[in-house]
PDB file of N, CA and C in Angstrom:
ATOM      1  N   UNK A   1      33.834 134.808  21.219  1.00  0.00           N
ATOM      2  CA  UNK A   1      34.852 135.241  20.221  1.00  0.00           C
ATOM      3  C   UNK A   1      36.272 135.179  20.803  1.00  0.00           C
ATOM      4  N   UNK A   2      36.178 135.776  22.035  1.00  0.00           N
ATOM      5  CA  UNK A   2      37.686 135.536  22.674  1.00  0.00           C
ATOM      6  C   UNK A   2      37.670 134.302  23.614  1.00  0.00           C
ATOM      7  N   UNK A   3      36.752 133.826  23.767  1.00  0.00           N
ATOM      8  CA  UNK A   3      37.076 132.419  24.478  1.00  0.00           C
ATOM      9  C   UNK A   3      37.797 131.441  23.149  1.00  0.00           C
ATOM     10  N   UNK A   4      37.410 131.552  22.475  1.00  0.00           N
ATOM     11  CA  UNK A   4      37.960 130.479  20.787  1.00  0.00           C
ATOM     12  C   UNK A   4      39.496 131.400  20.761  1.00  0.00           C
ATOM     13  N   UNK A   5      39.889 132.506  20.773  1.00  0.00           N
ATOM     14  CA  UNK A   5      41.215 132.879  20.747  1.00  0.00           C
ATOM     15  C   UNK A   5      41.826 132.392  21.997  1.00  0.00           C
ATOM     16  N   UNK A   6      41.504 132.432  22.789  1.00  0.00           N
ATOM     17  CA  UNK A   6      42.282 131.867  24.353  1.00  0.00           C
ATOM     18  C   UNK A   6      42.526 130.423  24.002  1.00  0.00           C
ATOM     19  N   UNK A   7      41.246 129.904  23.601  1.00  0.00           N
ATOM     20  CA  UNK A   7      41.816 128.024  23.388  1.00  0.00           C
ATOM     21  C   UNK A   7      42.693 127.714  22.463  1.00  0.00           C
ATOM     22  N   UNK A   8      42.573 128.408  21.207  1.00  0.00           N
ATOM     23  CA  UNK A   8      43.657 128.434  19.916  1.00  0.00           C
ATOM     24  C   UNK A   8      44.836 128.495  20.554  1.00  0.00           C
ATOM     25  N   UNK A   9      45.079 129.657  21.537  1.00  0.00           N
ATOM     26  CA  UNK A   9      46.248 130.099  21.893  1.00  0.00           C
ATOM     27  C   UNK A   9      47.002 129.137  23.141  1.00  0.00           C
ATOM     28  N   UNK A  10      46.117 128.710  23.964  1.00  0.00           N
ATOM     29  CA  UNK A  10      46.630 127.553  24.516  1.00  0.00           C
ATOM     30  C   UNK A  10      46.873 126.455  23.765  1.00  0.00           C
ATOM     31  N   UNK A  11      45.801 126.023  23.106  1.00  0.00           N
ATOM     32  CA  UNK A  11      46.428 124.556  22.216  1.00  0.00           C
ATOM     33  C   UNK A  11      47.807 124.939  21.535  1.00  0.00           C
ATOM     34  N   UNK A  12      47.731 125.923  20.940  1.00  0.00           N
ATOM     35  CA  UNK A  12      48.971 126.306  20.197  1.00  0.00           C
ATOM     36  C   UNK A  12      50.500 125.866  21.576  1.00  0.00           C
ATOM     37  N   UNK A  13      50.306 126.799  22.722  1.00  0.00           N
ATOM     38  CA  UNK A  13      51.257 126.657  23.515  1.00  0.00           C
ATOM     39  C   UNK A  13      51.542 125.386  23.970  1.00  0.00           C
ATOM     40  N   UNK A  14      50.513 124.323  24.075  1.00  0.00           N
ATOM     41  CA  UNK A  14      50.407 122.984  24.492  1.00  0.00           C
ATOM     42  C   UNK A  14      51.156 122.341  23.606  1.00  0.00           C
ATOM     43  N   UNK A  15      50.820 122.750  22.282  1.00  0.00           N
ATOM     44  CA  UNK A  15      51.411 121.665  20.872  1.00  0.00           C
ATOM     45  C   UNK A  15      52.974 121.803  21.019  1.00  0.00           C
ATOM     46  N   UNK A  16      53.418 123.166  21.125  1.00  0.00           N
ATOM     47  CA  UNK A  16      54.626 123.483  21.312  1.00  0.00           C
ATOM     48  C   UNK A  16      55.498 123.139  22.665  1.00  0.00           C
ATOM     49  N   UNK A  17      54.471 123.200  23.623  1.00  0.00           N
ATOM     50  CA  UNK A  17      55.499 122.218  24.735  1.00  0.00           C
ATOM     51  C   UNK A  17      55.543 120.787  24.981  1.00  0.00           C
ATOM     52  N   UNK A  18      54.781 120.361  24.185  1.00  0.00           N
ATOM     53  CA  UNK A  18      54.817 118.668  23.602  1.00  0.00           C
ATOM     54  C   UNK A  18      55.799 118.793  23.033  1.00  0.00           C
ATOM     55  N   UNK A  19      56.145 119.523  21.963  1.00  0.00           N
ATOM     56  CA  UNK A  19      57.329 119.404  20.693  1.00  0.00           C
ATOM     57  C   UNK A  19      58.681 119.501  21.438  1.00  0.00           C
ATOM     58  N   UNK A  20      58.695 120.678  22.399  1.00  0.00           N
ATOM     59  CA  UNK A  20      59.838 120.916  23.394  1.00  0.00           C
ATOM     60  C   UNK A  20      60.019 119.397  23.943  1.00  0.00           C
ATOM     61  N   UNK A  21      59.319 119.047  24.886  1.00  0.00           N
ATOM     62  CA  UNK A  21      59.554 117.715  25.445  1.00  0.00           C
ATOM     63  C   UNK A  21      60.427 116.774  24.652  1.00  0.00           C
ATOM     64  N   UNK A  22      59.731 116.636  23.308  1.00  0.00           N
ATOM     65  CA  UNK A  22      60.026 115.294  22.553  1.00  0.00           C
ATOM     66  C   UNK A  22      61.267 115.747  21.990  1.00  0.00           C
ATOM     67  N   UNK A  23      61.432 117.164  21.630  1.00  0.00           N
ATOM     68  CA  UNK A  23      62.726 117.301  21.238  1.00  0.00           C
ATOM     69  C   UNK A  23      63.666 117.261  22.448  1.00  0.00           C
ATOM     70  N   UNK A  24      63.604 117.535  23.591  1.00  0.00           N
ATOM     71  CA  UNK A  24      64.538 117.200  24.718  1.00  0.00           C
ATOM     72  C   UNK A  24      64.590 115.840  24.826  1.00  0.00           C
ATOM     73  N   UNK A  25      64.126 114.724  24.939  1.00  0.00           N
ATOM     74  CA  UNK A  25      63.987 113.224  25.077  1.00  0.00           C
ATOM     75  C   UNK A  25      64.436 112.654  23.615  1.00  0.00           C
ATOM     76  N   UNK A  26      64.553 113.102  22.642  1.00  0.00           N
ATOM     77  CA  UNK A  26      65.475 112.726  21.353  1.00  0.00           C
ATOM     78  C   UNK A  26      66.824 113.257  21.511  1.00  0.00           C
ATOM     79  N   UNK A  27      66.985 114.297  22.178  1.00  0.00           N
ATOM     80  CA  UNK A  27      68.294 114.788  22.183  1.00  0.00           C
ATOM     81  C   UNK A  27      69.296 113.966  23.317  1.00  0.00           C
ATOM     82  N   UNK A  28      68.395 113.847  24.304  1.00  0.00           N
ATOM     83  CA  UNK A  28      68.889 112.905  25.661  1.00  0.00           C
ATOM     84  C   UNK A  28      69.360 111.424  24.924  1.00  0.00           C
ATOM     85  N   UNK A  29      68.255 111.126  23.884  1.00  0.00           N
ATOM     86  CA  UNK A  29      68.495 109.431  23.828  1.00  0.00           C
ATOM     87  C   UNK A  29      69.650 109.452  22.789  1.00  0.00           C
ATOM     88  N   UNK A  30      69.847 110.589  21.830  1.00  0.00           N
ATOM     89  CA  UNK A  30      70.983 110.415  20.937  1.00  0.00           C
ATOM     90  C   UNK A  30      72.201 110.471  21.458  1.00  0.00           C
ATOM     91  N   UNK A  31      72.466 111.171  22.771  1.00  0.00           N
ATOM     92  CA  UNK A  31      73.601 111.684  23.668  1.00  0.00           C
ATOM     93  C   UNK A  31      73.851 110.106  24.053  1.00  0.00           C
ATOM     94  N   UNK A  32      72.536 109.714  24.685  1.00  0.00           N
ATOM     95  CA  UNK A  32      72.926 108.275  25.111  1.00  0.00           C
ATOM     96  C   UNK A  32      73.568 107.576  24.263  1.00  0.00           C
ATOM     97  N   UNK A  33      73.048 107.214  22.993  1.00  0.00           N
ATOM     98  CA  UNK A  33      73.539 106.447  22.055  1.00  0.00           C
ATOM     99  C   UNK A  33      74.920 106.669  21.598  1.00  0.00           C
ATOM    100  N   UNK A  34      75.274 107.793  21.234  1.00  0.00           N
ATOM    101  CA  UNK A  34      76.454 108.301  21.238  1.00  0.00           C
ATOM    102  C   UNK A  34      77.765 107.877  22.224  1.00  0.00           C
ATOM    103  N   UNK A  35      76.885 107.736  23.535  1.00  0.00           N
ATOM    104  CA  UNK A  35      77.938 107.636  24.840  1.00  0.00           C
ATOM    105  C   UNK A  35      78.138 106.195  24.605  1.00  0.00           C
ATOM    106  N   UNK A  36      77.236 105.306  24.517  1.00  0.00           N
ATOM    107  CA  UNK A  36      77.557 103.810  24.231  1.00  0.00           C
ATOM    108  C   UNK A  36      78.547 103.450  23.018  1.00  0.00           C
ATOM    109  N   UNK A  37      78.048 104.004  22.261  1.00  0.00           N
ATOM    110  CA  UNK A  37      79.100 103.919  20.798  1.00  0.00           C
ATOM    111  C   UNK A  37      80.126 104.310  21.254  1.00  0.00           C
ATOM    112  N   UNK A  38      80.563 105.373  21.656  1.00  0.00           N
ATOM    113  CA  UNK A  38      81.958 106.050  22.373  1.00  0.00           C
ATOM    114  C   UNK A  38      82.859 104.577  22.962  1.00  0.00           C
ATOM    115  N   UNK A  39      82.133 104.382  24.000  1.00  0.00           N
ATOM    116  CA  UNK A  39      82.765 103.330  24.830  1.00  0.00           C
ATOM    117  C   UNK A  39      82.802 101.739  24.437  1.00  0.00           C
ATOM    118  N   UNK A  40      81.902 101.334  23.401  1.00  0.00           N
ATOM    119  CA  UNK A  40      82.195 100.437  22.397  1.00  0.00           C
ATOM    120  C   UNK A  40      83.120 100.366  21.823  1.00  0.00           C
ATOM    121  N   UNK A  41      83.692 101.471  20.666  1.00  0.00           N
ATOM    122  CA  UNK A  41      84.315 102.046  20.215  1.00  0.00           C
ATOM    123  C   UNK A  41      85.960 101.949  21.284  1.00  0.00           C
ATOM    124  N   UNK A  42      85.815 102.271  22.105  1.00  0.00           N
ATOM    125  CA  UNK A  42      87.044 102.479  23.025  1.00  0.00           C
ATOM    126  C   UNK A  42      87.479 101.042  23.745  1.00  0.00           C
ATOM    127  N   UNK A  43      86.493 100.183  24.009  1.00  0.00           N
ATOM    128  CA  UNK A  43      86.628  99.116  24.548  1.00  0.00           C
ATOM    129  C   UNK A  43      87.202  98.141  23.440  1.00  0.00           C
ATOM    130  N   UNK A  44      86.680  98.149  22.190  1.00  0.00           N
ATOM    131  CA  UNK A  44      87.285  97.114  21.141  1.00  0.00           C
ATOM    132  C   UNK A  44      88.284  97.744  20.193  1.00  0.00           C
ATOM    133  N   UNK A  45      88.798  99.001  20.664  1.00  0.00           N
ATOM    134  CA  UNK A  45      89.763  99.463  19.875  1.00  0.00           C
ATOM    135  C   UNK A  45      89.117  99.318  18.498  1.00  0.00           C
ATOM    136  N   UNK A  46      88.295 100.153  18.235  1.00  0.00           N
ATOM    137  CA  UNK A  46      87.634 100.503  16.777  1.00  0.00           C
ATOM    138  C   UNK A  46      87.902 101.808  16.288  1.00  0.00           C
ATOM    139  N   UNK A  47      88.446 101.946  15.234  1.00  0.00           N
ATOM    140  CA  UNK A  47      89.006 103.350  14.654  1.00  0.00           C
ATOM    141  C   UNK A  47      87.757 103.609  13.439  1.00  0.00           C
ATOM    142  N   UNK A  48      87.499 104.869  13.691  1.00  0.00           N
ATOM    143  CA  UNK A  48      86.476 105.186  12.867  1.00  0.00           C
ATOM    144  C   UNK A  48      87.443 105.841  11.614  1.00  0.00           C
TER     145      UNK A  48
END
């Protein structure tokens, strides 16, 4: 019974860790895309 609890707990933390890493990657990608857009707008003098 305890073994099942430990597995469930580890599975939960494993899933949350994966979600955390995914969120970090998405945040980095979003920042990179925003940075590239900002540079493009500056270079071509596009006003938003």
